Each structure stands twice: as structure tokens, then as C-alpha cells.
Amino acid sequence: MLIQFFNAYNCRSDRLSVFRQPFVNRWLNTAVAWELVLLVMILYVPFLQRAFGTFSMTPGDWMLTTTLDELDGRRRRMLRRLRRMLPASITLAAAEGTSSPGGGSFPLLQLPTRLIELSVSGLSANSLETALRATDPPVVGRIQRDRFMLDLRTLNEADLPLLASALLQALEHQP
């Protein structure tokens, strides 16, 4: 759909490049703006969704479509921020793995993903998982090869303060 906008600007002239004064045609700009507004409405306004048979993507859908490059960048930023927020007794490491969409309801579908491995000195992976599930809000990860992992497909950067708080809570309650 969006390629048609580029095509409309490209067809303005058979001799001039699309990159030479692309926004001089006020009527074309207005038409493209209206088309974008209508497209967003068709995707997000309920009665138009029913009329056109469309649906908006849920946060879960966006998580499934995140590329590995985006996950790598997010992991670098998150590790850097978390290391500044947490004491040295909490170790963070980058790892790779696969995700099963739908909490395992699609066992044959495995998406490559990026993980953050968490370890706390003095706590096993099982003890860390139990402690993090008991925090408020609970942190749910997975244990893989005796290591506690968080999948970046299910973790937002906005959640980092909550994650750091939960890790500190778990650290306080360790035996």
C-alpha cells in the first residue's frame, strides 16, 4: 500500500527524479495525507474494521514480527541500562535462543530470539525463578540449561525499572 504513495510522487514527471522537489504539488500532498488518515481509520476504527475485514495488530503480534536486528539493539540498550541499575552480585549476559509463540500452543513454530541471562550469586536458577515470581509485579522467565532467561520478545524497555525493582526484591529475600 505505501509503495503506491512513492509511485504517485514518482509519476509526477517522466523527466525529473522523484527526489527533486518531491513535495511541491499541494494537491498530491493533500491526497496522500487523506489516504494515510483513511488507512489508519480502516485499521483501527471498529465499525470500519468490520466493513473492510481488517484488524489492528496486538502487542503480541508486534512482538512476533520483531526482527533479530531490532532485538539485538534492544538487548544492548537494556543490558547497559540494567547494569547501571543493579549491584554487581546480579550478573547479566546476552544469550540466543528460540521462542514458542502462544506460550507453547504452537510447539512446532520456533522463532529465533535474543535472551538476557540473569544470575544472582548464591541463588540457583530455580530459586531465582521462584523469587522473581513472588515479586510485585511478578517476573516470568524460563530456565534453559540451568540458567534463568528473559526473552526480549516479551520484555519492553519501559519495563526495566520494574524488572530492576523485582531483582532487588529477590536479592533482599534470598536466604
C-alpha atoms as a PDB file:
ATOM      1  CA  MET A   1       0.000   0.000   0.000  1.00  0.00           C
ATOM      2  CA  LEU A   2       2.672   2.513   0.987  1.00  0.00           C
ATOM      3  CA  ILE A   3       4.634   1.824  -2.194  1.00  0.00           C
ATOM      4  CA  GLN A   4       1.718   3.408  -4.095  1.00  0.00           C
ATOM      5  CA  PHE A   5       2.463   6.726  -2.367  1.00  0.00           C
ATOM      6  CA  PHE A   6       6.020   6.581  -3.673  1.00  0.00           C
ATOM      7  CA  ASN A   7       4.687   5.625  -7.109  1.00  0.00           C
ATOM      8  CA  ALA A   8       2.321   8.629  -7.117  1.00  0.00           C
ATOM      9  CA  TYR A   9       5.210  11.004  -6.397  1.00  0.00           C
ATOM     10  CA  ASN A  10       7.381   9.225  -8.964  1.00  0.00           C
ATOM     11  CA  CYS A  11       4.752   9.589 -11.713  1.00  0.00           C
ATOM     12  CA  ARG A  12       4.648  13.395 -11.426  1.00  0.00           C
ATOM     13  CA  SER A  13       7.162  13.697 -14.251  1.00  0.00           C
ATOM     14  CA  ASP A  14       8.737  11.470 -16.913  1.00  0.00           C
ATOM     15  CA  ARG A  15      11.944  13.520 -16.847  1.00  0.00           C
ATOM     16  CA  LEU A  16      12.536  14.610 -13.244  1.00  0.00           C
ATOM     17  CA  SER A  17      13.571  12.407 -10.358  1.00  0.00           C
ATOM     18  CA  VAL A  18      11.155  11.779  -7.517  1.00  0.00           C
ATOM     19  CA  PHE A  19      13.802  13.250  -5.205  1.00  0.00           C
ATOM     20  CA  ARG A  20      13.817  16.626  -6.966  1.00  0.00           C
ATOM     21  CA  GLN A  21      11.314  18.826  -5.131  1.00  0.00           C
ATOM     22  CA  PRO A  22       9.065  15.909  -4.133  1.00  0.00           C
ATOM     23  CA  PHE A  23       6.508  17.899  -2.103  1.00  0.00           C
ATOM     24  CA  VAL A  24       5.747  20.860  -4.386  1.00  0.00           C
ATOM     25  CA  ASN A  25       2.362  19.534  -5.535  1.00  0.00           C
ATOM     26  CA  ARG A  26      -0.027  20.693  -2.810  1.00  0.00           C
ATOM     27  CA  TRP A  27      -2.953  18.625  -4.144  1.00  0.00           C
ATOM     28  CA  LEU A  28      -0.923  15.414  -4.254  1.00  0.00           C
ATOM     29  CA  ASN A  29       0.340  16.024  -0.702  1.00  0.00           C
ATOM     30  CA  THR A  30      -3.241  16.584   0.498  1.00  0.00           C
ATOM     31  CA  ALA A  31      -4.472  13.429  -1.247  1.00  0.00           C
ATOM     32  CA  VAL A  32      -1.673  11.320   0.254  1.00  0.00           C
ATOM     33  CA  ALA A  33      -2.327  12.751   3.730  1.00  0.00           C
ATOM     34  CA  TRP A  34      -6.049  11.950   3.453  1.00  0.00           C
ATOM     35  CA  GLU A  35      -5.261   8.464   2.206  1.00  0.00           C
ATOM     36  CA  LEU A  36      -2.998   7.884   5.223  1.00  0.00           C
ATOM     37  CA  VAL A  37      -5.723   9.111   7.592  1.00  0.00           C
ATOM     38  CA  LEU A  38      -8.301   6.823   5.953  1.00  0.00           C
ATOM     39  CA  LEU A  39      -5.888   3.878   6.059  1.00  0.00           C
ATOM     40  CA  VAL A  40      -5.303   4.339   9.795  1.00  0.00           C
ATOM     41  CA  MET A  41      -9.051   4.630  10.357  1.00  0.00           C
ATOM     42  CA  ILE A  42      -9.720   1.408   8.399  1.00  0.00           C
ATOM     43  CA  LEU A  43      -7.166  -0.365  10.569  1.00  0.00           C
ATOM     44  CA  TYR A  44      -8.202   0.997  13.985  1.00  0.00           C
ATOM     45  CA  VAL A  45     -11.859   2.166  13.964  1.00  0.00           C
ATOM     46  CA  PRO A  46     -14.072  -0.836  14.909  1.00  0.00           C
ATOM     47  CA  PHE A  47     -17.005  -0.300  12.509  1.00  0.00           C
ATOM     48  CA  LEU A  48     -14.577   0.303   9.614  1.00  0.00           C
ATOM     49  CA  GLN A  49     -12.630  -2.826  10.621  1.00  0.00           C
ATOM     50  CA  ARG A  50     -15.835  -4.838  10.291  1.00  0.00           C
ATOM     51  CA  ALA A  51     -16.751  -3.185   6.984  1.00  0.00           C
ATOM     52  CA  PHE A  52     -13.323  -3.791   5.410  1.00  0.00           C
ATOM     53  CA  GLY A  53     -12.450  -7.032   7.213  1.00  0.00           C
ATOM     54  CA  THR A  54      -9.299  -5.621   8.792  1.00  0.00           C
ATOM     55  CA  PHE A  55      -7.840  -5.818  12.285  1.00  0.00           C
ATOM     56  CA  SER A  56      -5.184  -3.946  14.170  1.00  0.00           C
ATOM     57  CA  MET A  57      -2.079  -5.720  15.365  1.00  0.00           C
ATOM     58  CA  THR A  58      -1.914  -6.501  19.068  1.00  0.00           C
ATOM     59  CA  PRO A  59       1.261  -6.011  21.113  1.00  0.00           C
ATOM     60  CA  GLY A  60       1.738  -9.781  20.837  1.00  0.00           C
ATOM     61  CA  ASP A  61       1.594  -9.560  17.037  1.00  0.00           C
ATOM     62  CA  TRP A  62       4.245  -6.833  17.080  1.00  0.00           C
ATOM     63  CA  MET A  63       6.434  -8.992  19.346  1.00  0.00           C
ATOM     64  CA  LEU A  64       6.247 -11.854  16.855  1.00  0.00           C
ATOM     65  CA  THR A  65       7.274  -9.630  13.953  1.00  0.00           C
ATOM     66  CA  THR A  66      10.280  -8.019  15.658  1.00  0.00           C
ATOM     67  CA  THR A  67      13.474  -8.697  13.686  1.00  0.00           C
ATOM     68  CA  LEU A  68      16.654 -10.120  15.213  1.00  0.00           C
ATOM     69  CA  ASP A  69      18.476  -6.865  14.439  1.00  0.00           C
ATOM     70  CA  GLU A  70      15.867  -4.932  16.430  1.00  0.00           C
ATOM     71  CA  LEU A  71      16.165  -7.452  19.278  1.00  0.00           C
ATOM     72  CA  ASP A  72      19.982  -7.146  19.237  1.00  0.00           C
ATOM     73  CA  GLY A  73      19.765  -3.362  19.550  1.00  0.00           C
ATOM     74  CA  ARG A  74      17.142  -3.585  22.288  1.00  0.00           C
ATOM     75  CA  ARG A  75      19.267  -6.129  24.189  1.00  0.00           C
ATOM     76  CA  ARG A  76      22.368  -3.891  24.055  1.00  0.00           C
ATOM     77  CA  ARG A  77      20.400  -0.914  25.378  1.00  0.00           C
ATOM     78  CA  MET A  78      18.659  -2.958  28.067  1.00  0.00           C
ATOM     79  CA  LEU A  79      21.852  -4.618  29.306  1.00  0.00           C
ATOM     80  CA  ARG A  80      23.589  -1.242  29.515  1.00  0.00           C
ATOM     81  CA  ARG A  81      20.693   0.301  31.493  1.00  0.00           C
ATOM     82  CA  LEU A  82      20.193  -2.697  33.775  1.00  0.00           C
ATOM     83  CA  ARG A  83      23.897  -2.912  34.635  1.00  0.00           C
ATOM     84  CA  ARG A  84      23.734   0.698  35.835  1.00  0.00           C
ATOM     85  CA  MET A  85      20.631  -0.038  37.957  1.00  0.00           C
ATOM     86  CA  LEU A  86      21.750  -3.279  39.606  1.00  0.00           C
ATOM     87  CA  PRO A  87      24.512  -4.317  42.038  1.00  0.00           C
ATOM     88  CA  ALA A  88      27.438  -6.447  40.863  1.00  0.00           C
ATOM     89  CA  SER A  89      26.002  -9.516  42.625  1.00  0.00           C
ATOM     90  CA  ILE A  90      23.404  -9.732  39.822  1.00  0.00           C
ATOM     91  CA  THR A  91      25.064 -10.944  36.637  1.00  0.00           C
ATOM     92  CA  LEU A  92      23.562 -10.222  33.221  1.00  0.00           C
ATOM     93  CA  ALA A  93      24.654 -11.864  29.975  1.00  0.00           C
ATOM     94  CA  ALA A  94      23.476 -11.968  26.381  1.00  0.00           C
ATOM     95  CA  ALA A  95      22.209 -15.286  25.027  1.00  0.00           C
ATOM     96  CA  GLU A  96      20.422 -16.600  21.957  1.00  0.00           C
ATOM     97  CA  GLY A  97      17.520 -18.994  21.785  1.00  0.00           C
ATOM     98  CA  THR A  98      14.099 -19.686  20.328  1.00  0.00           C
ATOM     99  CA  SER A  99      10.581 -18.661  21.344  1.00  0.00           C
ATOM    100  CA  SER A 100       7.398 -20.691  21.117  1.00  0.00           C
ATOM    101  CA  PRO A 101       4.513 -18.325  20.312  1.00  0.00           C
ATOM    102  CA  GLY A 102       1.351 -18.657  22.334  1.00  0.00           C
ATOM    103  CA  GLY A 103       3.059 -19.973  25.462  1.00  0.00           C
ATOM    104  CA  GLY A 104       3.886 -23.204  23.656  1.00  0.00           C
ATOM    105  CA  SER A 105       0.491 -23.624  21.957  1.00  0.00           C
ATOM    106  CA  PHE A 106       2.370 -23.770  18.624  1.00  0.00           C
ATOM    107  CA  PRO A 107       5.114 -26.259  19.574  1.00  0.00           C
ATOM    108  CA  LEU A 108       6.351 -26.716  16.006  1.00  0.00           C
ATOM    109  CA  LEU A 109       6.795 -22.981  15.427  1.00  0.00           C
ATOM    110  CA  GLN A 110      10.129 -21.834  16.816  1.00  0.00           C
ATOM    111  CA  LEU A 111      11.146 -18.193  16.365  1.00  0.00           C
ATOM    112  CA  PRO A 112      14.795 -17.238  16.807  1.00  0.00           C
ATOM    113  CA  THR A 113      15.089 -14.718  19.627  1.00  0.00           C
ATOM    114  CA  ARG A 114      17.501 -12.912  21.893  1.00  0.00           C
ATOM    115  CA  LEU A 115      17.631 -13.551  25.624  1.00  0.00           C
ATOM    116  CA  ILE A 116      19.047 -11.957  28.743  1.00  0.00           C
ATOM    117  CA  GLU A 117      20.547 -14.469  31.141  1.00  0.00           C
ATOM    118  CA  LEU A 118      20.191 -13.490  34.805  1.00  0.00           C
ATOM    119  CA  SER A 119      22.076 -14.952  37.731  1.00  0.00           C
ATOM    120  CA  VAL A 120      22.351 -13.926  41.356  1.00  0.00           C
ATOM    121  CA  SER A 121      25.292 -15.123  43.402  1.00  0.00           C
ATOM    122  CA  GLY A 122      24.069 -17.636  45.951  1.00  0.00           C
ATOM    123  CA  LEU A 123      20.815 -18.470  44.107  1.00  0.00           C
ATOM    124  CA  SER A 124      20.157 -21.368  41.753  1.00  0.00           C
ATOM    125  CA  ALA A 125      18.173 -20.722  38.567  1.00  0.00           C
ATOM    126  CA  ASN A 126      15.120 -22.404  40.162  1.00  0.00           C
ATOM    127  CA  SER A 127      15.417 -20.307  43.327  1.00  0.00           C
ATOM    128  CA  LEU A 128      15.765 -17.119  41.255  1.00  0.00           C
ATOM    129  CA  GLU A 129      12.698 -18.045  39.206  1.00  0.00           C
ATOM    130  CA  THR A 130      10.673 -18.704  42.373  1.00  0.00           C
ATOM    131  CA  ALA A 131      11.828 -15.436  43.963  1.00  0.00           C
ATOM    132  CA  LEU A 132      11.026 -13.374  40.842  1.00  0.00           C
ATOM    133  CA  ARG A 133       7.552 -14.894  40.510  1.00  0.00           C
ATOM    134  CA  ALA A 134       6.870 -13.843  44.123  1.00  0.00           C
ATOM    135  CA  THR A 135       7.739 -10.178  43.492  1.00  0.00           C
ATOM    136  CA  ASP A 136       5.198  -7.455  42.797  1.00  0.00           C
ATOM    137  CA  PRO A 137       4.737  -7.400  39.850  1.00  0.00           C
ATOM    138  CA  PRO A 138       5.855 -10.980  39.203  1.00  0.00           C
ATOM    139  CA  VAL A 139       8.609 -11.580  36.638  1.00  0.00           C
ATOM    140  CA  VAL A 140       8.118 -14.658  34.499  1.00  0.00           C
ATOM    141  CA  GLY A 141      11.065 -16.063  32.602  1.00  0.00           C
ATOM    142  CA  ARG A 142      12.257 -19.525  31.714  1.00  0.00           C
ATOM    143  CA  ILE A 143      15.014 -21.856  32.756  1.00  0.00           C
ATOM    144  CA  GLN A 144      17.197 -23.123  29.967  1.00  0.00           C
ATOM    145  CA  ARG A 145      20.298 -25.262  30.599  1.00  0.00           C
ATOM    146  CA  ASP A 146      20.148 -24.420  34.333  1.00  0.00           C
ATOM    147  CA  ARG A 147      20.108 -20.676  33.635  1.00  0.00           C
ATOM    148  CA  PHE A 148      17.266 -18.188  34.186  1.00  0.00           C
ATOM    149  CA  MET A 149      16.395 -16.385  30.925  1.00  0.00           C
ATOM    150  CA  LEU A 150      14.204 -13.472  29.906  1.00  0.00           C
ATOM    151  CA  ASP A 151      13.011 -13.397  26.300  1.00  0.00           C
ATOM    152  CA  LEU A 152      13.322  -9.964  24.687  1.00  0.00           C
ATOM    153  CA  ARG A 153      10.247 -10.640  22.561  1.00  0.00           C
ATOM    154  CA  THR A 154       8.230 -10.365  25.794  1.00  0.00           C
ATOM    155  CA  LEU A 155      10.142  -7.577  27.533  1.00  0.00           C
ATOM    156  CA  ASN A 156       9.772  -3.862  26.817  1.00  0.00           C
ATOM    157  CA  GLU A 157      12.369  -1.232  27.607  1.00  0.00           C
ATOM    158  CA  ALA A 158       9.731   0.650  29.603  1.00  0.00           C
ATOM    159  CA  ASP A 159       9.585  -2.365  31.961  1.00  0.00           C
ATOM    160  CA  LEU A 160      13.235  -2.062  33.022  1.00  0.00           C
ATOM    161  CA  PRO A 161      12.615  -0.109  36.271  1.00  0.00           C
ATOM    162  CA  LEU A 162      10.040  -2.740  37.312  1.00  0.00           C
ATOM    163  CA  LEU A 163      12.453  -5.547  36.409  1.00  0.00           C
ATOM    164  CA  ALA A 164      15.294  -3.916  38.359  1.00  0.00           C
ATOM    165  CA  SER A 165      12.985  -3.450  41.348  1.00  0.00           C
ATOM    166  CA  ALA A 166      11.905  -7.106  41.194  1.00  0.00           C
ATOM    167  CA  LEU A 167      15.525  -8.260  41.033  1.00  0.00           C
ATOM    168  CA  LEU A 168      16.393  -6.134  44.049  1.00  0.00           C
ATOM    169  CA  GLN A 169      13.375  -7.570  45.901  1.00  0.00           C
ATOM    170  CA  ALA A 170      14.536 -11.089  45.064  1.00  0.00           C
ATOM    171  CA  LEU A 171      18.044 -10.231  46.262  1.00  0.00           C
ATOM    172  CA  GLU A 172      16.699  -8.926  49.601  1.00  0.00           C
ATOM    173  CA  HIS A 173      14.738 -12.114  50.269  1.00  0.00           C
ATOM    174  CA  GLN A 174      17.464 -14.581  49.428  1.00  0.00           C
ATOM    175  CA  PRO A 175      18.382 -16.964  52.280  1.00  0.00           C
END
